[in-house]
Amino acid sequence: MHEEAFLSNAGDNGWSPIVLLDISTQGVSFATAEMLASGEVRRIRFSLPGSRSSHHVSFKVVHCGTGGVPSGYRIGARFVTIDADTTDQIVDFVSKPAAD
């Protein structure tokens, strides 16, 4: 998965582009130019491939490192708040067979 998404700024007053790398109902992994501290809480705005629905989810940073991305940082985060519709759409997305 390499989907464009957006990360809330530290003051929660704007958005910066990121790339979603992996997603589950529990959390997300993404690439960003910005280093985030473990335990930091932010929001992410994204759409899943093939869907026009926009989702806004709060998360807590679990890991921040430079491995696995060509530049910037790879963030591993656990969702703090996620609504039922977003959870359902993530389950539908991860349950689909991979395209060839």
PDB file of N, CA and C in Angstrom:
ATOM      1  N   MET A   1       0.850  -1.172   0.000  1.00  0.00           N
ATOM      2  CA  MET A   1       0.000   0.000   0.000  1.00  0.00           C
ATOM      3  C   MET A   1       0.898   1.238   0.000  1.00  0.00           C
ATOM      4  N   HIS A   2       0.661   2.139  -0.911  1.00  0.00           N
ATOM      5  CA  HIS A   2       1.354   3.432  -0.948  1.00  0.00           C
ATOM      6  C   HIS A   2       0.315   4.474  -1.312  1.00  0.00           C
ATOM      7  N   GLU A   3      -0.443   4.915  -0.340  1.00  0.00           N
ATOM      8  CA  GLU A   3      -1.542   5.861  -0.542  1.00  0.00           C
ATOM      9  C   GLU A   3      -1.215   7.194   0.089  1.00  0.00           C
ATOM     10  N   GLU A   4      -1.529   8.264  -0.613  1.00  0.00           N
ATOM     11  CA  GLU A   4      -1.322   9.588  -0.043  1.00  0.00           C
ATOM     12  C   GLU A   4      -2.350   9.837   1.055  1.00  0.00           C
ATOM     13  N   ALA A   5      -1.917  10.465   2.120  1.00  0.00           N
ATOM     14  CA  ALA A   5      -2.779  10.821   3.243  1.00  0.00           C
ATOM     15  C   ALA A   5      -2.222  12.108   3.845  1.00  0.00           C
ATOM     16  N   PHE A   6      -2.793  12.538   4.963  1.00  0.00           N
ATOM     17  CA  PHE A   6      -2.362  13.792   5.573  1.00  0.00           C
ATOM     18  C   PHE A   6      -2.264  13.653   7.084  1.00  0.00           C
ATOM     19  N   LEU A   7      -1.232  14.279   7.634  1.00  0.00           N
ATOM     20  CA  LEU A   7      -0.926  14.262   9.058  1.00  0.00           C
ATOM     21  C   LEU A   7      -1.209  15.637   9.637  1.00  0.00           C
ATOM     22  N   SER A   8      -1.914  15.678  10.780  1.00  0.00           N
ATOM     23  CA  SER A   8      -2.159  16.974  11.423  1.00  0.00           C
ATOM     24  C   SER A   8      -0.850  17.543  11.950  1.00  0.00           C
ATOM     25  N   ASN A   9      -0.703  18.843  11.879  1.00  0.00           N
ATOM     26  CA  ASN A   9       0.472  19.512  12.429  1.00  0.00           C
ATOM     27  C   ASN A   9       0.422  19.449  13.949  1.00  0.00           C
ATOM     28  N   ALA A  10       1.560  19.684  14.603  1.00  0.00           N
ATOM     29  CA  ALA A  10       1.651  19.583  16.064  1.00  0.00           C
ATOM     30  C   ALA A  10       0.604  20.440  16.772  1.00  0.00           C
ATOM     31  N   GLY A  11       0.319  21.620  16.255  1.00  0.00           N
ATOM     32  CA  GLY A  11      -0.679  22.498  16.859  1.00  0.00           C
ATOM     33  C   GLY A  11      -2.093  22.191  16.405  1.00  0.00           C
ATOM     34  N   ASP A  12      -2.249  21.135  15.590  1.00  0.00           N
ATOM     35  CA  ASP A  12      -3.532  20.710  15.048  1.00  0.00           C
ATOM     36  C   ASP A  12      -4.208  21.839  14.259  1.00  0.00           C
ATOM     37  N   ASN A  13      -3.379  22.635  13.566  1.00  0.00           N
ATOM     38  CA  ASN A  13      -3.927  23.767  12.817  1.00  0.00           C
ATOM     39  C   ASN A  13      -3.597  23.679  11.325  1.00  0.00           C
ATOM     40  N   GLY A  14      -3.247  22.509  10.844  1.00  0.00           N
ATOM     41  CA  GLY A  14      -2.944  22.322   9.431  1.00  0.00           C
ATOM     42  C   GLY A  14      -2.584  20.870   9.158  1.00  0.00           C
ATOM     43  N   TRP A  15      -2.355  20.572   7.886  1.00  0.00           N
ATOM     44  CA  TRP A  15      -2.090  19.193   7.475  1.00  0.00           C
ATOM     45  C   TRP A  15      -0.849  19.128   6.592  1.00  0.00           C
ATOM     46  N   SER A  16      -0.064  18.061   6.749  1.00  0.00           N
ATOM     47  CA  SER A  16       1.113  17.807   5.928  1.00  0.00           C
ATOM     48  C   SER A  16       0.925  16.478   5.204  1.00  0.00           C
ATOM     49  N   PRO A  17       1.370  16.385   3.942  1.00  0.00           N
ATOM     50  CA  PRO A  17       1.209  15.122   3.212  1.00  0.00           C
ATOM     51  C   PRO A  17       2.128  14.031   3.758  1.00  0.00           C
ATOM     52  N   ILE A  18       1.614  12.810   3.752  1.00  0.00           N
ATOM     53  CA  ILE A  18       2.357  11.610   4.151  1.00  0.00           C
ATOM     54  C   ILE A  18       2.004  10.493   3.168  1.00  0.00           C
ATOM     55  N   VAL A  19       2.642   9.346   3.302  1.00  0.00           N
ATOM     56  CA  VAL A  19       2.320   8.177   2.487  1.00  0.00           C
ATOM     57  C   VAL A  19       1.975   7.015   3.422  1.00  0.00           C
ATOM     58  N   LEU A  20       0.742   6.507   3.305  1.00  0.00           N
ATOM     59  CA  LEU A  20       0.342   5.325   4.080  1.00  0.00           C
ATOM     60  C   LEU A  20       1.084   4.117   3.538  1.00  0.00           C
ATOM     61  N   LEU A  21       1.659   3.325   4.423  1.00  0.00           N
ATOM     62  CA  LEU A  21       2.382   2.124   4.029  1.00  0.00           C
ATOM     63  C   LEU A  21       1.617   0.857   4.400  1.00  0.00           C
ATOM     64  N   ASP A  22       0.904   0.896   5.519  1.00  0.00           N
ATOM     65  CA  ASP A  22       0.180  -0.277   6.001  1.00  0.00           C
ATOM     66  C   ASP A  22      -0.917   0.201   6.934  1.00  0.00           C
ATOM     67  N   ILE A  23      -2.024  -0.555   6.993  1.00  0.00           N
ATOM     68  CA  ILE A  23      -3.128  -0.167   7.867  1.00  0.00           C
ATOM     69  C   ILE A  23      -3.850  -1.403   8.369  1.00  0.00           C
ATOM     70  N   SER A  24      -4.363  -1.311   9.588  1.00  0.00           N
ATOM     71  CA  SER A  24      -5.203  -2.353  10.176  1.00  0.00           C
ATOM     72  C   SER A  24      -6.253  -1.643  11.020  1.00  0.00           C
ATOM     73  N   THR A  25      -7.123  -2.392  11.646  1.00  0.00           N
ATOM     74  CA  THR A  25      -8.130  -1.763  12.513  1.00  0.00           C
ATOM     75  C   THR A  25      -7.518  -1.245  13.806  1.00  0.00           C
ATOM     76  N   GLN A  26      -6.284  -1.648  14.101  1.00  0.00           N
ATOM     77  CA  GLN A  26      -5.620  -1.228  15.332  1.00  0.00           C
ATOM     78  C   GLN A  26      -4.647  -0.072  15.151  1.00  0.00           C
ATOM     79  N   GLY A  27      -4.114   0.083  13.908  1.00  0.00           N
ATOM     80  CA  GLY A  27      -3.126   1.119  13.724  1.00  0.00           C
ATOM     81  C   GLY A  27      -2.692   1.280  12.286  1.00  0.00           C
ATOM     82  N   VAL A  28      -1.620   2.068  12.124  1.00  0.00           N
ATOM     83  CA  VAL A  28      -1.177   2.448  10.789  1.00  0.00           C
ATOM     84  C   VAL A  28       0.342   2.619  10.779  1.00  0.00           C
ATOM     85  N   SER A  29       0.923   2.436   9.606  1.00  0.00           N
ATOM     86  CA  SER A  29       2.324   2.732   9.374  1.00  0.00           C
ATOM     87  C   SER A  29       2.370   3.705   8.209  1.00  0.00           C
ATOM     88  N   PHE A  30       3.199   4.748   8.331  1.00  0.00           N
ATOM     89  CA  PHE A  30       3.284   5.719   7.250  1.00  0.00           C
ATOM     90  C   PHE A  30       4.659   6.353   7.198  1.00  0.00           C
ATOM     91  N   ALA A  31       4.970   6.932   6.031  1.00  0.00           N
ATOM     92  CA  ALA A  31       6.228   7.638   5.813  1.00  0.00           C
ATOM     93  C   ALA A  31       5.955   9.136   5.860  1.00  0.00           C
ATOM     94  N   THR A  32       6.849   9.857   6.526  1.00  0.00           N
ATOM     95  CA  THR A  32       6.713  11.297   6.662  1.00  0.00           C
ATOM     96  C   THR A  32       8.095  11.948   6.713  1.00  0.00           C
ATOM     97  N   ALA A  33       8.149  13.193   6.340  1.00  0.00           N
ATOM     98  CA  ALA A  33       9.412  13.936   6.432  1.00  0.00           C
ATOM     99  C   ALA A  33       9.692  14.376   7.862  1.00  0.00           C
ATOM    100  N   GLU A  34       8.672  14.350   8.703  1.00  0.00           N
ATOM    101  CA  GLU A  34       8.751  14.867  10.073  1.00  0.00           C
ATOM    102  C   GLU A  34       9.002  13.751  11.086  1.00  0.00           C
ATOM    103  N   MET A  35       9.967  13.963  11.976  1.00  0.00           N
ATOM    104  CA  MET A  35      10.201  13.017  13.059  1.00  0.00           C
ATOM    105  C   MET A  35       9.129  13.233  14.124  1.00  0.00           C
ATOM    106  N   LEU A  36       8.527  12.149  14.603  1.00  0.00           N
ATOM    107  CA  LEU A  36       7.518  12.221  15.650  1.00  0.00           C
ATOM    108  C   LEU A  36       8.013  11.487  16.883  1.00  0.00           C
ATOM    109  N   ALA A  37       7.708  12.011  18.040  1.00  0.00           N
ATOM    110  CA  ALA A  37       8.145  11.405  19.298  1.00  0.00           C
ATOM    111  C   ALA A  37       7.213  10.268  19.715  1.00  0.00           C
ATOM    112  N   SER A  38       7.792   9.229  20.276  1.00  0.00           N
ATOM    113  CA  SER A  38       7.002   8.123  20.809  1.00  0.00           C
ATOM    114  C   SER A  38       6.030   8.664  21.854  1.00  0.00           C
ATOM    115  N   GLY A  39       4.781   8.250  21.764  1.00  0.00           N
ATOM    116  CA  GLY A  39       3.749   8.707  22.697  1.00  0.00           C
ATOM    117  C   GLY A  39       2.991   9.928  22.220  1.00  0.00           C
ATOM    118  N   GLU A  40       3.506  10.598  21.189  1.00  0.00           N
ATOM    119  CA  GLU A  40       2.835  11.791  20.653  1.00  0.00           C
ATOM    120  C   GLU A  40       1.487  11.402  20.045  1.00  0.00           C
ATOM    121  N   VAL A  41       0.475  12.230  20.273  1.00  0.00           N
ATOM    122  CA  VAL A  41      -0.859  11.986  19.725  1.00  0.00           C
ATOM    123  C   VAL A  41      -1.119  13.005  18.617  1.00  0.00           C
ATOM    124  N   ARG A  42      -1.545  12.494  17.467  1.00  0.00           N
ATOM    125  CA  ARG A  42      -1.862  13.325  16.305  1.00  0.00           C
ATOM    126  C   ARG A  42      -3.108  12.767  15.624  1.00  0.00           C
ATOM    127  N   ARG A  43      -3.480  13.404  14.527  1.00  0.00           N
ATOM    128  CA  ARG A  43      -4.587  12.914  13.704  1.00  0.00           C
ATOM    129  C   ARG A  43      -4.081  12.651  12.289  1.00  0.00           C
ATOM    130  N   ILE A  44      -4.761  11.742  11.623  1.00  0.00           N
ATOM    131  CA  ILE A  44      -4.453  11.405  10.246  1.00  0.00           C
ATOM    132  C   ILE A  44      -5.754  11.474   9.448  1.00  0.00           C
ATOM    133  N   ARG A  45      -5.638  11.941   8.215  1.00  0.00           N
ATOM    134  CA  ARG A  45      -6.788  12.018   7.300  1.00  0.00           C
ATOM    135  C   ARG A  45      -6.424  11.197   6.072  1.00  0.00           C
ATOM    136  N   PHE A  46      -7.274  10.245   5.688  1.00  0.00           N
ATOM    137  CA  PHE A  46      -6.947   9.361   4.572  1.00  0.00           C
ATOM    138  C   PHE A  46      -8.199   8.820   3.897  1.00  0.00           C
ATOM    139  N   SER A  47      -7.996   8.312   2.700  1.00  0.00           N
ATOM    140  CA  SER A  47      -8.998   7.537   1.976  1.00  0.00           C
ATOM    141  C   SER A  47      -8.347   6.208   1.643  1.00  0.00           C
ATOM    142  N   LEU A  48      -9.132   5.169   1.634  1.00  0.00           N
ATOM    143  CA  LEU A  48      -8.609   3.854   1.267  1.00  0.00           C
ATOM    144  C   LEU A  48      -8.666   3.690  -0.248  1.00  0.00           C
ATOM    145  N   PRO A  49      -7.770   2.898  -0.829  1.00  0.00           N
ATOM    146  CA  PRO A  49      -7.789   2.696  -2.276  1.00  0.00           C
ATOM    147  C   PRO A  49      -9.166   2.217  -2.742  1.00  0.00           C
ATOM    148  N   GLY A  50      -9.664   2.839  -3.812  1.00  0.00           N
ATOM    149  CA  GLY A  50     -10.960   2.466  -4.370  1.00  0.00           C
ATOM    150  C   GLY A  50     -12.150   3.078  -3.662  1.00  0.00           C
ATOM    151  N   SER A  51     -11.919   3.933  -2.675  1.00  0.00           N
ATOM    152  CA  SER A  51     -13.007   4.551  -1.920  1.00  0.00           C
ATOM    153  C   SER A  51     -12.880   6.070  -1.981  1.00  0.00           C
ATOM    154  N   ARG A  52     -13.996   6.751  -2.012  1.00  0.00           N
ATOM    155  CA  ARG A  52     -13.993   8.216  -1.988  1.00  0.00           C
ATOM    156  C   ARG A  52     -14.200   8.749  -0.572  1.00  0.00           C
ATOM    157  N   SER A  53     -14.512   7.875   0.368  1.00  0.00           N
ATOM    158  CA  SER A  53     -14.743   8.295   1.754  1.00  0.00           C
ATOM    159  C   SER A  53     -13.451   8.798   2.381  1.00  0.00           C
ATOM    160  N   SER A  54     -13.545   9.901   3.100  1.00  0.00           N
ATOM    161  CA  SER A  54     -12.398  10.450   3.821  1.00  0.00           C
ATOM    162  C   SER A  54     -12.554  10.109   5.295  1.00  0.00           C
ATOM    163  N   HIS A  55     -11.471   9.636   5.906  1.00  0.00           N
ATOM    164  CA  HIS A  55     -11.497   9.223   7.310  1.00  0.00           C
ATOM    165  C   HIS A  55     -10.547  10.094   8.121  1.00  0.00           C
ATOM    166  N   HIS A  56     -10.952  10.416   9.344  1.00  0.00           N
ATOM    167  CA  HIS A  56     -10.116  11.170  10.285  1.00  0.00           C
ATOM    168  C   HIS A  56      -9.989  10.320  11.543  1.00  0.00           C
ATOM    169  N   VAL A  57      -8.744   9.996  11.909  1.00  0.00           N
ATOM    170  CA  VAL A  57      -8.498   9.099  13.029  1.00  0.00           C
ATOM    171  C   VAL A  57      -7.384   9.675  13.905  1.00  0.00           C
ATOM    172  N   SER A  58      -7.548   9.604  15.219  1.00  0.00           N
ATOM    173  CA  SER A  58      -6.477   9.990  16.147  1.00  0.00           C
ATOM    174  C   SER A  58      -5.605   8.777  16.409  1.00  0.00           C
ATOM    175  N   PHE A  59      -4.303   9.025  16.548  1.00  0.00           N
ATOM    176  CA  PHE A  59      -3.380   7.925  16.816  1.00  0.00           C
ATOM    177  C   PHE A  59      -2.305   8.372  17.797  1.00  0.00           C
ATOM    178  N   LYS A  60      -1.634   7.363  18.362  1.00  0.00           N
ATOM    179  CA  LYS A  60      -0.503   7.580  19.266  1.00  0.00           C
ATOM    180  C   LYS A  60       0.718   6.916  18.650  1.00  0.00           C
ATOM    181  N   VAL A  61       1.818   7.650  18.542  1.00  0.00           N
ATOM    182  CA  VAL A  61       3.048   7.122  17.948  1.00  0.00           C
ATOM    183  C   VAL A  61       3.632   6.036  18.848  1.00  0.00           C
ATOM    184  N   VAL A  62       3.935   4.889  18.250  1.00  0.00           N
ATOM    185  CA  VAL A  62       4.551   3.774  18.957  1.00  0.00           C
ATOM    186  C   VAL A  62       6.022   3.659  18.568  1.00  0.00           C
ATOM    187  N   HIS A  63       6.327   3.961  17.308  1.00  0.00           N
ATOM    188  CA  HIS A  63       7.699   3.814  16.804  1.00  0.00           C
ATOM    189  C   HIS A  63       7.975   4.877  15.752  1.00  0.00           C
ATOM    190  N   CYS A  64       9.193   5.397  15.755  1.00  0.00           N
ATOM    191  CA  CYS A  64       9.656   6.328  14.722  1.00  0.00           C
ATOM    192  C   CYS A  64      11.089   5.933  14.372  1.00  0.00           C
ATOM    193  N   GLY A  65      11.323   5.608  13.096  1.00  0.00           N
ATOM    194  CA  GLY A  65      12.664   5.224  12.668  1.00  0.00           C
ATOM    195  C   GLY A  65      12.889   5.566  11.205  1.00  0.00           C
ATOM    196  N   THR A  66      14.101   5.330  10.737  1.00  0.00           N
ATOM    197  CA  THR A  66      14.427   5.657   9.353  1.00  0.00           C
ATOM    198  C   THR A  66      14.479   4.429   8.446  1.00  0.00           C
ATOM    199  N   GLY A  67      14.347   3.246   9.003  1.00  0.00           N
ATOM    200  CA  GLY A  67      14.407   2.024   8.202  1.00  0.00           C
ATOM    201  C   GLY A  67      13.162   1.818   7.370  1.00  0.00           C
ATOM    202  N   GLY A  68      13.357   1.308   6.156  1.00  0.00           N
ATOM    203  CA  GLY A  68      12.225   0.939   5.311  1.00  0.00           C
ATOM    204  C   GLY A  68      11.629   2.063   4.493  1.00  0.00           C
ATOM    205  N   VAL A  69      12.234   3.242   4.536  1.00  0.00           N
ATOM    206  CA  VAL A  69      11.773   4.360   3.704  1.00  0.00           C
ATOM    207  C   VAL A  69      12.989   4.995   3.030  1.00  0.00           C
ATOM    208  N   PRO A  70      12.820   5.476   1.797  1.00  0.00           N
ATOM    209  CA  PRO A  70      13.973   6.050   1.099  1.00  0.00           C
ATOM    210  C   PRO A  70      14.481   7.352   1.717  1.00  0.00           C
ATOM    211  N   SER A  71      13.593   8.107   2.343  1.00  0.00           N
ATOM    212  CA  SER A  71      13.985   9.338   3.041  1.00  0.00           C
ATOM    213  C   SER A  71      12.936   9.642   4.102  1.00  0.00           C
ATOM    214  N   GLY A  72      13.300  10.432   5.067  1.00  0.00           N
ATOM    215  CA  GLY A  72      12.364  10.778   6.131  1.00  0.00           C
ATOM    216  C   GLY A  72      12.255   9.679   7.172  1.00  0.00           C
ATOM    217  N   TYR A  73      11.053   9.503   7.700  1.00  0.00           N
ATOM    218  CA  TYR A  73      10.825   8.595   8.821  1.00  0.00           C
ATOM    219  C   TYR A  73       9.661   7.656   8.558  1.00  0.00           C
ATOM    220  N   ARG A  74       9.770   6.457   9.102  1.00  0.00           N
ATOM    221  CA  ARG A  74       8.671   5.489   9.071  1.00  0.00           C
ATOM    222  C   ARG A  74       8.073   5.500  10.467  1.00  0.00           C
ATOM    223  N   ILE A  75       6.785   5.792  10.541  1.00  0.00           N
ATOM    224  CA  ILE A  75       6.074   5.879  11.809  1.00  0.00           C
ATOM    225  C   ILE A  75       5.159   4.676  11.971  1.00  0.00           C
ATOM    226  N   GLY A  76       5.174   4.074  13.138  1.00  0.00           N
ATOM    227  CA  GLY A  76       4.225   3.040  13.514  1.00  0.00           C
ATOM    228  C   GLY A  76       3.340   3.629  14.595  1.00  0.00           C
ATOM    229  N   ALA A  77       2.029   3.558  14.409  1.00  0.00           N
ATOM    230  CA  ALA A  77       1.115   4.208  15.350  1.00  0.00           C
ATOM    231  C   ALA A  77      -0.102   3.339  15.644  1.00  0.00           C
ATOM    232  N   ARG A  78      -0.616   3.500  16.844  1.00  0.00           N
ATOM    233  CA  ARG A  78      -1.815   2.785  17.291  1.00  0.00           C
ATOM    234  C   ARG A  78      -2.958   3.777  17.333  1.00  0.00           C
ATOM    235  N   PHE A  79      -4.117   3.374  16.797  1.00  0.00           N
ATOM    236  CA  PHE A  79      -5.280   4.261  16.807  1.00  0.00           C
ATOM    237  C   PHE A  79      -5.764   4.504  18.227  1.00  0.00           C
ATOM    238  N   VAL A  80      -6.105   5.751  18.514  1.00  0.00           N
ATOM    239  CA  VAL A  80      -6.669   6.141  19.808  1.00  0.00           C
ATOM    240  C   VAL A  80      -8.185   6.214  19.677  1.00  0.00           C
ATOM    241  N   THR A  81      -8.655   6.885  18.628  1.00  0.00           N
ATOM    242  CA  THR A  81     -10.093   6.956  18.349  1.00  0.00           C
ATOM    243  C   THR A  81     -10.313   6.607  16.890  1.00  0.00           C
ATOM    244  N   ILE A  82     -11.293   5.747  16.650  1.00  0.00           N
ATOM    245  CA  ILE A  82     -11.650   5.343  15.294  1.00  0.00           C
ATOM    246  C   ILE A  82     -13.138   5.002  15.307  1.00  0.00           C
ATOM    247  N   ASP A  83     -13.889   5.540  14.347  1.00  0.00           N
ATOM    248  CA  ASP A  83     -15.328   5.274  14.343  1.00  0.00           C
ATOM    249  C   ASP A  83     -15.634   3.942  13.664  1.00  0.00           C
ATOM    250  N   ALA A  84     -16.845   3.461  13.875  1.00  0.00           N
ATOM    251  CA  ALA A  84     -17.247   2.145  13.380  1.00  0.00           C
ATOM    252  C   ALA A  84     -17.208   2.064  11.857  1.00  0.00           C
ATOM    253  N   ASP A  85     -17.612   3.127  11.160  1.00  0.00           N
ATOM    254  CA  ASP A  85     -17.608   3.117   9.698  1.00  0.00           C
ATOM    255  C   ASP A  85     -16.177   2.972   9.164  1.00  0.00           C
ATOM    256  N   THR A  86     -15.240   3.695   9.755  1.00  0.00           N
ATOM    257  CA  THR A  86     -13.843   3.590   9.341  1.00  0.00           C
ATOM    258  C   THR A  86     -13.318   2.183   9.596  1.00  0.00           C
ATOM    259  N   THR A  87     -13.621   1.628  10.757  1.00  0.00           N
ATOM    260  CA  THR A  87     -13.202   0.259  11.076  1.00  0.00           C
ATOM    261  C   THR A  87     -13.758  -0.717  10.046  1.00  0.00           C
ATOM    262  N   ASP A  88     -15.051  -0.597   9.721  1.00  0.00           N
ATOM    263  CA  ASP A  88     -15.677  -1.489   8.736  1.00  0.00           C
ATOM    264  C   ASP A  88     -15.003  -1.381   7.368  1.00  0.00           C
ATOM    265  N   GLN A  89     -14.689  -0.152   6.949  1.00  0.00           N
ATOM    266  CA  GLN A  89     -14.061   0.024   5.637  1.00  0.00           C
ATOM    267  C   GLN A  89     -12.630  -0.522   5.619  1.00  0.00           C
ATOM    268  N   ILE A  90     -11.915  -0.412   6.734  1.00  0.00           N
ATOM    269  CA  ILE A  90     -10.570  -0.996   6.804  1.00  0.00           C
ATOM    270  C   ILE A  90     -10.668  -2.523   6.724  1.00  0.00           C
ATOM    271  N   VAL A  91     -11.619  -3.111   7.442  1.00  0.00           N
ATOM    272  CA  VAL A  91     -11.809  -4.575   7.390  1.00  0.00           C
ATOM    273  C   VAL A  91     -12.112  -5.003   5.963  1.00  0.00           C
ATOM    274  N   ASP A  92     -12.996  -4.274   5.269  1.00  0.00           N
ATOM    275  CA  ASP A  92     -13.307  -4.610   3.870  1.00  0.00           C
ATOM    276  C   ASP A  92     -12.067  -4.512   3.000  1.00  0.00           C
ATOM    277  N   PHE A  93     -11.271  -3.461   3.192  1.00  0.00           N
ATOM    278  CA  PHE A  93     -10.072  -3.270   2.378  1.00  0.00           C
ATOM    279  C   PHE A  93      -9.041  -4.377   2.603  1.00  0.00           C
ATOM    280  N   VAL A  94      -8.728  -4.685   3.850  1.00  0.00           N
ATOM    281  CA  VAL A  94      -7.694  -5.694   4.117  1.00  0.00           C
ATOM    282  C   VAL A  94      -8.168  -7.112   3.820  1.00  0.00           C
ATOM    283  N   SER A  95      -9.491  -7.315   3.693  1.00  0.00           N
ATOM    284  CA  SER A  95     -10.034  -8.637   3.399  1.00  0.00           C
ATOM    285  C   SER A  95     -10.054  -8.948   1.912  1.00  0.00           C
ATOM    286  N   LYS A  96      -9.898  -7.917   1.062  1.00  0.00           N
ATOM    287  CA  LYS A  96      -9.928  -8.139  -0.388  1.00  0.00           C
ATOM    288  C   LYS A  96      -8.642  -8.834  -0.821  1.00  0.00           C
ATOM    289  N   PRO A  97      -8.757  -9.739  -1.794  1.00  0.00           N
ATOM    290  CA  PRO A  97      -7.541 -10.373  -2.331  1.00  0.00           C
ATOM    291  C   PRO A  97      -6.651  -9.320  -2.991  1.00  0.00           C
ATOM    292  N   ALA A  98      -5.360  -9.489  -2.903  1.00  0.00           N
ATOM    293  CA  ALA A  98      -4.409  -8.555  -3.510  1.00  0.00           C
ATOM    294  C   ALA A  98      -4.540  -8.589  -5.026  1.00  0.00           C
ATOM    295  N   ALA A  99      -4.443  -7.434  -5.662  1.00  0.00           N
ATOM    296  CA  ALA A  99      -4.491  -7.357  -7.130  1.00  0.00           C
ATOM    297  C   ALA A  99      -3.170  -7.854  -7.697  1.00  0.00           C
ATOM    298  N   ASP A 100      -3.239  -8.497  -8.842  1.00  0.00           N
ATOM    299  CA  ASP A 100      -2.014  -9.006  -9.484  1.00  0.00           C
ATOM    300  C   ASP A 100      -1.235  -7.913 -10.121  1.00  0.00           C
TER     301      ASP A 100
END
